[in-house]
């Protein structure tokens, strides 16, 4: 009789769990875990990417509501892709800077469109300057080009990313200062030894 009572109790507990509001969450978490572990990148990388995305969304929320509303975030193996449309180039640069501040970010690709009214000539000069600097960095043996983002706005060069040493950081700044169209260089580069969220 006690065995039958135990069986009935277990059946009732299972039924209650299945009928409770927690069941979809438990099933959802289980499904997500199985899906993540069956992807090419695996469970731990999927979790790390999710943490990066959540931290960046929180930074956007605390910094500028427009970033939360208008910028989409995708993270794959530590590479952050930002897409959408925002009002100013400065906000685009800030989104890149905020992404680099998060531990685990290996690369930031900012494909956000800007709706400000800069002239075509100014944008073309800025684009050419950014491309020229990217080529200089790629060709330089002292620098890992994937670790840095470059934005040029009205001749001002904005650098962000993670340098492995103070020497690498200084080299990037030096290359930026050598650009013929660079009016000023703004440095948001952090060192890999700096504490990041």
Protein backbone atom coordinates (compact mmCIF):
# COMPACT_ATOMS: atom_id res chain seq x y z
CA UNK A 1 0.00 0.00 0.00
CA UNK A 2 2.82 2.46 0.77
CA UNK A 3 4.30 1.72 -2.63
CA UNK A 4 1.01 2.63 -4.27
CA UNK A 5 0.80 5.81 -2.17
CA UNK A 6 4.32 6.80 -3.24
CA UNK A 7 3.44 6.18 -6.87
CA UNK A 8 0.26 8.25 -6.60
CA UNK A 9 2.17 11.08 -4.84
CA UNK A 10 4.83 11.08 -7.56
CA UNK A 11 2.15 11.09 -10.26
CA UNK A 12 0.34 14.00 -8.59
CA UNK A 13 3.57 16.01 -8.21
CA UNK A 14 4.43 15.42 -11.87
CA UNK A 15 0.92 16.49 -12.91
CA UNK A 16 1.13 19.65 -10.80
CA UNK A 17 4.46 20.55 -12.33
CA UNK A 18 3.11 19.98 -15.82
CA UNK A 19 0.07 22.14 -15.13
CA UNK A 20 1.93 24.94 -13.37
CA UNK A 21 3.12 28.14 -15.02
CA UNK A 22 6.73 26.98 -14.57
CA UNK A 23 6.39 24.15 -17.04
CA UNK A 24 6.81 26.32 -20.18
CA UNK A 25 9.89 27.95 -18.68
CA UNK A 26 11.42 24.60 -17.74
CA UNK A 27 10.63 23.16 -21.16
CA UNK A 28 11.92 26.38 -22.82
CA UNK A 29 15.21 26.31 -20.93
CA UNK A 30 15.61 22.62 -21.67
CA UNK A 31 14.89 23.15 -25.34
CA UNK A 32 17.33 26.06 -25.50
CA UNK A 33 20.02 23.98 -23.78
CA UNK A 34 19.54 21.09 -26.21
CA UNK A 35 19.51 23.48 -29.20
CA UNK A 36 22.62 25.31 -28.01
CA UNK A 37 24.55 22.11 -27.36
CA UNK A 38 23.70 20.78 -30.80
CA UNK A 39 24.97 23.87 -32.67
CA UNK A 40 28.46 24.07 -34.10
CA UNK A 41 29.60 26.51 -31.44
CA UNK A 42 28.37 24.42 -28.50
CA UNK A 43 26.60 25.17 -25.26
CA UNK A 44 29.27 27.22 -23.44
CA UNK A 45 29.88 29.50 -26.42
CA UNK A 46 26.13 30.00 -26.87
CA UNK A 47 25.82 30.98 -23.23
CA UNK A 48 28.82 33.35 -23.46
CA UNK A 49 27.32 34.98 -26.56
CA UNK A 50 24.01 35.39 -24.74
CA UNK A 51 25.75 37.04 -21.80
CA UNK A 52 27.56 39.48 -24.13
CA UNK A 53 24.29 40.36 -25.88
CA UNK A 54 22.47 40.91 -22.58
CA UNK A 55 25.27 43.07 -21.14
CA UNK A 56 25.42 45.18 -24.29
CA UNK A 57 21.64 45.69 -24.34
CA UNK A 58 21.85 46.78 -20.70
CA UNK A 59 24.67 49.25 -21.52
CA UNK A 60 22.59 50.64 -24.39
CA UNK A 61 19.59 51.04 -22.07
CA UNK A 62 21.63 52.86 -19.42
CA UNK A 63 23.35 55.11 -22.00
CA UNK A 64 20.86 56.06 -24.71
CA UNK A 65 17.32 54.79 -25.29
CA UNK A 66 17.70 55.30 -29.06
CA UNK A 67 20.42 52.62 -29.09
CA UNK A 68 18.03 50.12 -27.50
CA UNK A 69 15.15 51.01 -29.80
CA UNK A 70 17.00 51.27 -33.10
CA UNK A 71 20.08 49.02 -32.94
CA UNK A 72 19.91 45.24 -33.26
CA UNK A 73 22.60 43.12 -31.62
CA UNK A 74 23.82 39.73 -32.87
CA UNK A 75 26.69 37.87 -31.23
CA UNK A 76 28.48 34.86 -32.65
CA UNK A 77 31.54 33.42 -30.93
CA UNK A 78 32.38 36.79 -29.37
CA UNK A 79 31.94 38.74 -32.61
CA UNK A 80 29.31 41.48 -32.19
CA UNK A 81 27.28 42.66 -35.20
CA UNK A 82 25.32 45.89 -34.79
CA UNK A 83 22.63 46.80 -37.36
CA UNK A 84 19.85 49.37 -37.61
CA UNK A 85 19.48 53.11 -38.18
CA UNK A 86 20.22 55.93 -35.71
CA UNK A 87 20.28 59.71 -35.81
CA UNK A 88 23.97 60.62 -35.41
CA UNK A 89 27.44 59.32 -36.13
CA UNK A 90 28.40 59.97 -32.50
CA UNK A 91 25.74 57.48 -31.34
CA UNK A 92 27.08 54.90 -33.79
CA UNK A 93 30.59 55.39 -32.41
CA UNK A 94 29.29 55.15 -28.84
CA UNK A 95 27.58 51.83 -29.66
CA UNK A 96 30.91 50.44 -30.89
CA UNK A 97 32.78 51.73 -27.84
CA UNK A 98 30.23 50.20 -25.46
CA UNK A 99 30.50 46.81 -27.19
CA UNK A 100 34.28 46.74 -26.82
CA UNK A 101 33.94 47.34 -23.06
CA UNK A 102 32.40 43.89 -22.53
CA UNK A 103 34.61 40.97 -21.58
CA UNK A 104 34.63 38.24 -24.21
CA UNK A 105 34.11 40.53 -27.21
CA UNK A 106 36.67 39.65 -29.88
CA UNK A 107 35.37 41.79 -32.75
CA UNK A 108 32.78 44.52 -33.34
CA UNK A 109 31.22 45.08 -36.76
CA UNK A 110 29.03 48.18 -36.77
CA UNK A 111 26.72 48.24 -39.80
CA UNK A 112 24.35 50.82 -38.28
CA UNK A 113 23.17 53.46 -40.77
CA UNK A 114 23.21 57.13 -39.76
CA UNK A 115 20.50 59.56 -40.85
CA UNK A 116 22.37 62.83 -40.16
CA UNK A 117 22.88 65.40 -42.90
CA UNK A 118 26.65 65.34 -43.50
CA UNK A 119 27.60 66.19 -47.07
CA UNK A 120 28.48 63.47 -49.54
CA UNK A 121 31.97 64.95 -49.95
CA UNK A 122 32.61 64.86 -46.18
CA UNK A 123 31.35 61.28 -45.89
CA UNK A 124 33.50 60.21 -48.85
CA UNK A 125 36.64 61.76 -47.28
CA UNK A 126 35.83 60.11 -43.93
CA UNK A 127 35.23 56.74 -45.59
CA UNK A 128 38.51 57.02 -47.53
CA UNK A 129 40.42 57.95 -44.38
CA UNK A 130 38.96 54.98 -42.46
CA UNK A 131 39.78 52.61 -45.34
CA UNK A 132 43.32 53.98 -45.61
CA UNK A 133 43.90 53.50 -41.87
CA UNK A 134 42.45 49.97 -41.97
CA UNK A 135 44.90 49.08 -44.76
CA UNK A 136 47.82 50.55 -42.79
CA UNK A 137 46.83 48.51 -39.73
CA UNK A 138 46.43 45.30 -41.73
CA UNK A 139 49.87 45.82 -43.27
CA UNK A 140 51.53 46.57 -39.95
CA UNK A 141 53.18 43.56 -38.33
CA UNK A 142 52.89 44.98 -34.79
CA UNK A 143 49.10 45.20 -34.72
CA UNK A 144 46.20 42.72 -34.83
CA UNK A 145 43.68 44.50 -37.08
CA UNK A 146 40.61 42.49 -35.98
CA UNK A 147 40.86 43.87 -32.45
CA UNK A 148 40.04 47.44 -33.44
CA UNK A 149 37.18 49.50 -34.85
CA UNK A 150 37.79 52.68 -36.82
CA UNK A 151 35.27 55.46 -37.36
CA UNK A 152 36.02 58.80 -39.00
CA UNK A 153 33.56 61.68 -38.63
CA UNK A 154 34.33 65.03 -40.23
CA UNK A 155 38.07 64.27 -40.15
CA UNK A 156 38.09 63.12 -36.51
CA UNK A 157 39.36 59.54 -36.15
CA UNK A 158 37.71 57.48 -33.40
CA UNK A 159 39.60 54.35 -32.35
CA UNK A 160 38.10 51.64 -30.17
CA UNK A 161 38.97 48.06 -29.40
CA UNK A 162 41.27 45.98 -27.24
CA UNK A 163 45.05 46.25 -27.46
CA UNK A 164 47.27 43.46 -26.17
CA UNK A 165 49.81 45.98 -24.85
CA UNK A 166 50.46 49.68 -24.42
CA UNK A 167 52.87 49.44 -27.36
CA UNK A 168 50.15 48.10 -29.67
CA UNK A 169 47.77 50.86 -28.51
CA UNK A 170 50.43 53.52 -29.14
CA UNK A 171 51.15 52.07 -32.60
CA UNK A 172 47.47 52.27 -33.63
CA UNK A 173 47.28 55.89 -32.47
CA UNK A 174 50.49 56.71 -34.34
CA UNK A 175 49.14 55.19 -37.57
CA UNK A 176 45.92 57.21 -37.18
CA UNK A 177 47.81 60.44 -36.60
CA UNK A 178 49.74 59.90 -39.86
CA UNK A 179 46.53 60.08 -41.93
CA UNK A 180 46.54 63.12 -44.22
CA UNK A 181 42.87 64.00 -43.52
CA UNK A 182 42.96 63.37 -39.74
CA UNK A 183 42.20 66.54 -37.83
CA UNK A 184 42.21 64.79 -34.47
CA UNK A 185 42.44 61.25 -33.03
CA UNK A 186 40.09 60.18 -30.22
CA UNK A 187 41.29 57.09 -28.38
CA UNK A 188 38.77 54.69 -26.79
CA UNK A 189 41.18 51.72 -26.94
CA UNK A 190 41.39 49.63 -23.79
CA UNK A 191 44.11 47.17 -22.84
CA UNK A 192 43.39 43.46 -22.58
CA UNK A 193 44.60 43.65 -18.98
CA UNK A 194 41.95 46.29 -18.13
CA UNK A 195 38.91 45.09 -16.25
CA UNK A 196 35.87 44.73 -18.46
CA UNK A 197 32.30 43.76 -17.55
